[in-house]
Each structure stands twice: as structure tokens, then as C-alpha cells.
């Protein structure tokens, strides 16, 4: 049985119609929890009483949980509206983010960092190039590139998936030539918790969509 310990003022997110709505845990009681009205891009989510909703939650150890709640009612306190939800059920813990790896086929943009730029300010910066993202995890990714990248190259990578934008820095750790392309394993560098949460959110969305196709 998966144990989930919700924390006050921690972020919680509602998934509806393949969109993610952000909220905050405001109260935890013996038989219910209370959250802010979930919002996505300025649009507030309207929920019906007894409606079953799917949620995701990050705990203090940066683990991700997926579960369901039923909407009890909508209340207003001090002119602020909240939803009261049943206690979570059907709880699943997603593996630690560094080890969850999903297959994906998306175009990304990258720049190969020019190590001589700092020494010579007049040098032209390397051009932006496209590559295909083949898989992704919280610790790195695999890409297919036309450019002959080398082990040790530093890449500045831009990923835009499901309106989640990421600017990442990574080091090429493996290269394999295949049909005039180069398959490269890239390890992310200097990833903060906020960025890592965005990565795992993309991973979770991909996993969820893949499970819907089964």
C-alpha cells in the first residue's frame, strides 16, 4: 500500500481534459482536504459535487504521486473560494524522477556551447540546430542529431512540450553513429528543483498518454 503524506501549502495539481491545473493544499482534516480553486493560464477550473478528479502531488522528498479524490463541495471563507475533497485513493507513486525514462519523439533546438567564447568576445556564437528527442528522464535524454557531436560537448537545449518550456544545459556522454545521424546520450548539468519538476511533469504526461493508447 502506497503511503501519501500531504503537507500544508504544498503544490497539488488537477488533471482534467488533458490539462494541468495548479492549486495549493490549504487544509488537511480527518475526512477531507481543502485546496484553492485550481487554475491554468488564468482559467479557473469548475468542478461538480461528487465529481471524481485525478491529481498529482510532489512531496518534500521530490517524489511524485498520482491519485484520485471526489469533490465534496465548494466553500468560501474570507471571500476566498476553495474546494473540499475526499481523502486521496488509488494512490500511485511514480518512480524517483532520475530513473523514470520515457520514449518520446519530439523536435528540440540546441546550441553547442563554444568554450572559446569567454576568451574571445568577437567570435560568432554557434548556430541554433534541430535534433530529435528520443527519450527523456529527470537526469538526461537521448537525441538524434545530424551534427557530428562529440563526447564531452556541452549543449544548451530548448524543449517545448505541452506548453512546458525548458532551457537545459547538458553534457554529451555517449555518441553512436547510425545512418548518417548521431545518437547522443546527454546528461543534464546544474538542474534545480523547479526545472527538474518541469521535466518530471513532461515525463508524467507522456506516461499517461502512452497508457491511454494501450
Protein backbone atom coordinates (compact mmCIF):
# COMPACT_ATOMS: atom_id res chain seq x y z
CA UNK A 1 0.00 0.00 0.00
CA UNK A 2 1.38 3.38 -1.05
CA UNK A 3 1.64 5.92 1.74
CA UNK A 4 0.98 9.57 0.92
CA UNK A 5 1.55 12.36 3.42
CA UNK A 6 0.12 15.66 2.21
CA UNK A 7 1.64 18.88 3.51
CA UNK A 8 0.01 22.26 4.07
CA UNK A 9 0.84 24.93 1.47
CA UNK A 10 2.33 22.31 -0.85
CA UNK A 11 1.51 22.38 -4.52
CA UNK A 12 -1.12 19.98 -5.85
CA UNK A 13 -2.35 19.75 -9.44
CA UNK A 14 -5.61 18.60 -11.00
CA UNK A 15 -5.66 16.86 -14.39
CA UNK A 16 -8.75 17.45 -16.48
CA UNK A 17 -9.26 17.23 -20.25
CA UNK A 18 -5.50 16.62 -20.63
CA UNK A 19 -4.74 19.97 -18.99
CA UNK A 20 -2.97 20.52 -15.67
CA UNK A 21 -4.49 23.00 -13.20
CA UNK A 22 -2.34 24.25 -10.32
CA UNK A 23 -3.54 24.56 -6.75
CA UNK A 24 -2.30 24.60 -3.13
CA UNK A 25 -3.21 22.35 -0.19
CA UNK A 26 -4.87 24.69 2.31
CA UNK A 27 -6.21 22.33 4.98
CA UNK A 28 -5.98 18.65 5.90
CA UNK A 29 -8.66 17.10 8.09
CA UNK A 30 -9.53 13.58 9.21
CA UNK A 31 -12.08 13.09 6.42
CA UNK A 32 -11.24 15.70 3.78
CA UNK A 33 -8.68 18.09 2.36
CA UNK A 34 -9.17 21.65 1.15
CA UNK A 35 -7.49 23.22 -1.89
CA UNK A 36 -7.57 26.54 -3.72
CA UNK A 37 -9.60 26.75 -6.92
CA UNK A 38 -7.24 25.16 -9.49
CA UNK A 39 -6.05 27.46 -12.28
CA UNK A 40 -4.40 27.03 -15.68
CA UNK A 41 -3.22 30.07 -17.66
CA UNK A 42 -5.63 32.32 -15.78
CA UNK A 43 -8.60 29.99 -16.29
CA UNK A 44 -10.19 28.66 -13.10
CA UNK A 45 -11.41 25.08 -13.05
CA UNK A 46 -15.08 24.44 -12.31
CA UNK A 47 -15.77 21.14 -10.56
CA UNK A 48 -19.09 19.46 -9.79
CA UNK A 49 -20.07 17.97 -6.46
CA UNK A 50 -19.30 14.20 -6.32
CA UNK A 51 -17.09 14.52 -9.38
CA UNK A 52 -14.06 12.24 -9.37
CA UNK A 53 -10.85 14.08 -10.21
CA UNK A 54 -7.29 12.99 -10.89
CA UNK A 55 -4.45 14.77 -9.11
CA UNK A 56 -0.66 14.81 -8.89
CA UNK A 57 1.38 15.88 -5.89
CA UNK A 58 5.06 16.42 -5.07
CA UNK A 59 6.23 15.71 -1.53
CA UNK A 60 9.24 17.18 0.28
CA UNK A 61 11.45 14.36 -1.00
CA UNK A 62 10.51 15.38 -4.57
CA UNK A 63 8.59 12.15 -5.17
CA UNK A 64 5.56 12.40 -7.44
CA UNK A 65 2.22 10.82 -6.51
CA UNK A 66 -0.81 10.26 -8.75
CA UNK A 67 -4.20 9.68 -7.10
CA UNK A 68 -7.94 10.44 -7.17
CA UNK A 69 -10.32 12.39 -4.95
CA UNK A 70 -14.05 13.13 -5.02
CA UNK A 71 -15.29 16.69 -4.83
CA UNK A 72 -17.32 17.22 -1.65
CA UNK A 73 -18.31 20.85 -2.16
CA UNK A 74 -17.14 24.37 -2.85
CA UNK A 75 -16.84 26.72 0.11
CA UNK A 76 -15.98 30.37 0.63
CA UNK A 77 -14.01 31.71 3.57
CA UNK A 78 -13.00 35.37 3.94
CA UNK A 79 -14.14 35.94 0.34
CA UNK A 80 -11.80 33.22 -0.94
CA UNK A 81 -13.23 30.11 -2.62
CA UNK A 82 -11.96 26.59 -2.02
CA UNK A 83 -12.85 23.03 -2.93
CA UNK A 84 -13.20 20.39 -0.24
CA UNK A 85 -12.13 16.97 -1.48
CA UNK A 86 -12.33 13.46 -0.12
CA UNK A 87 -9.14 11.89 1.15
CA UNK A 88 -6.97 10.52 -1.70
CA UNK A 89 -7.48 6.97 -3.01
CA UNK A 90 -6.00 4.80 -5.78
CA UNK A 91 -2.63 6.29 -4.87
CA UNK A 92 0.36 5.52 -7.10
CA UNK A 93 3.92 6.67 -6.56
CA UNK A 94 5.89 7.46 -9.69
CA UNK A 95 9.46 6.17 -9.57
CA UNK A 96 12.18 8.54 -8.49
CA UNK A 97 12.46 11.10 -11.24
CA UNK A 98 16.10 10.48 -12.14
CA UNK A 99 15.30 6.89 -13.12
CA UNK A 100 11.98 7.29 -14.92
CA UNK A 101 12.80 7.26 -18.63
CA UNK A 102 10.16 7.54 -21.34
CA UNK A 103 10.33 7.20 -25.09
CA UNK A 104 9.30 10.33 -26.92
CA UNK A 105 9.58 11.67 -30.46
CA UNK A 106 9.79 15.46 -30.47
CA UNK A 107 11.91 18.08 -32.21
CA UNK A 108 14.12 20.17 -29.96
CA UNK A 109 16.56 23.01 -30.54
CA UNK A 110 20.09 23.17 -29.24
CA UNK A 111 23.29 25.18 -29.39
CA UNK A 112 26.70 23.64 -28.94
CA UNK A 113 28.44 25.75 -26.34
CA UNK A 114 31.57 27.39 -27.70
CA UNK A 115 34.21 27.15 -24.99
CA UNK A 116 36.32 29.83 -26.67
CA UNK A 117 33.61 32.50 -26.43
CA UNK A 118 34.71 33.61 -22.99
CA UNK A 119 38.27 34.08 -24.21
CA UNK A 120 37.38 35.83 -27.46
CA UNK A 121 34.28 38.02 -27.30
CA UNK A 122 34.41 38.68 -31.06
CA UNK A 123 33.78 35.08 -32.02
CA UNK A 124 30.41 34.28 -33.58
CA UNK A 125 28.14 32.16 -31.41
CA UNK A 126 27.30 28.70 -32.71
CA UNK A 127 24.01 28.49 -34.66
CA UNK A 128 20.81 27.00 -33.31
CA UNK A 129 20.26 23.49 -34.65
CA UNK A 130 17.44 20.96 -34.53
CA UNK A 131 17.56 17.44 -33.17
CA UNK A 132 15.03 14.73 -32.38
CA UNK A 133 14.38 13.92 -28.74
CA UNK A 134 14.15 10.11 -28.42
CA UNK A 135 13.84 9.64 -24.68
CA UNK A 136 13.79 11.76 -21.55
CA UNK A 137 14.32 11.38 -17.81
CA UNK A 138 15.00 13.65 -14.88
CA UNK A 139 18.72 13.08 -15.30
CA UNK A 140 19.21 13.24 -19.05
CA UNK A 141 17.99 12.46 -22.55
CA UNK A 142 18.83 10.74 -25.80
CA UNK A 143 18.75 12.71 -29.05
CA UNK A 144 19.29 12.06 -32.75
CA UNK A 145 21.32 14.81 -34.41
CA UNK A 146 22.71 15.46 -37.87
CA UNK A 147 25.70 17.22 -36.38
CA UNK A 148 28.73 15.11 -35.50
CA UNK A 149 28.63 15.79 -31.78
CA UNK A 150 31.49 14.54 -29.64
CA UNK A 151 31.65 13.06 -26.17
CA UNK A 152 32.18 15.94 -23.75
CA UNK A 153 30.40 18.57 -25.87
CA UNK A 154 28.23 20.94 -23.84
CA UNK A 155 24.75 21.63 -25.26
CA UNK A 156 22.28 24.38 -24.44
CA UNK A 157 18.91 22.76 -25.15
CA UNK A 158 15.40 24.16 -25.56
CA UNK A 159 12.43 21.80 -25.11
CA UNK A 160 8.81 22.91 -25.53
CA UNK A 161 6.26 20.20 -24.74
CA UNK A 162 2.59 20.64 -23.86
CA UNK A 163 3.23 24.35 -23.13
CA UNK A 164 6.01 23.44 -20.69
CA UNK A 165 9.19 25.25 -21.72
CA UNK A 166 12.62 24.10 -20.63
CA UNK A 167 16.07 25.60 -21.15
CA UNK A 168 18.63 22.99 -20.14
CA UNK A 169 22.37 22.52 -20.15
CA UNK A 170 23.79 19.08 -20.74
CA UNK A 171 26.98 17.19 -21.49
CA UNK A 172 27.22 14.59 -24.24
CA UNK A 173 28.27 11.34 -22.53
CA UNK A 174 27.73 8.81 -25.35
CA UNK A 175 27.75 9.01 -29.15
CA UNK A 176 26.84 6.33 -31.69
CA UNK A 177 26.78 6.89 -35.45
CA UNK A 178 23.71 5.45 -37.19
CA UNK A 179 22.56 6.00 -40.79
CA UNK A 180 24.29 9.38 -41.21
CA UNK A 181 22.91 10.53 -37.86
CA UNK A 182 24.38 10.60 -34.38
CA UNK A 183 22.59 9.11 -31.38
CA UNK A 184 23.75 11.01 -28.32
CA UNK A 185 23.22 10.40 -24.62
CA UNK A 186 23.13 13.71 -22.79
CA UNK A 187 23.42 14.16 -19.01
CA UNK A 188 21.82 17.31 -17.60
CA UNK A 189 24.00 19.77 -15.69
CA UNK A 190 23.11 22.09 -12.80
CA UNK A 191 19.40 21.21 -12.71
CA UNK A 192 17.49 22.97 -9.93
CA UNK A 193 14.40 21.50 -8.28
CA UNK A 194 11.99 23.74 -10.19
CA UNK A 195 13.42 22.68 -13.55
CA UNK A 196 13.50 19.03 -12.51
CA UNK A 197 9.83 19.23 -11.56
CA UNK A 198 9.05 20.52 -15.05
CA UNK A 199 10.97 17.60 -16.54
CA UNK A 200 9.14 15.03 -14.44
CA UNK A 201 5.85 16.70 -15.31
CA UNK A 202 6.62 16.16 -19.01
CA UNK A 203 7.61 12.57 -18.23
CA UNK A 204 4.35 12.02 -16.34
CA UNK A 205 2.23 13.49 -19.16
CA UNK A 206 3.97 11.23 -21.69
CA UNK A 207 3.50 8.15 -19.48
CA UNK A 208 -0.15 8.97 -19.01
CA UNK A 209 -0.77 9.47 -22.74
CA UNK A 210 1.05 6.26 -23.58
CA UNK A 211 -1.09 4.33 -21.09
CA UNK A 212 -4.23 5.75 -22.72
CA UNK A 213 -3.13 4.23 -26.03
CA UNK A 214 -2.77 0.72 -24.61
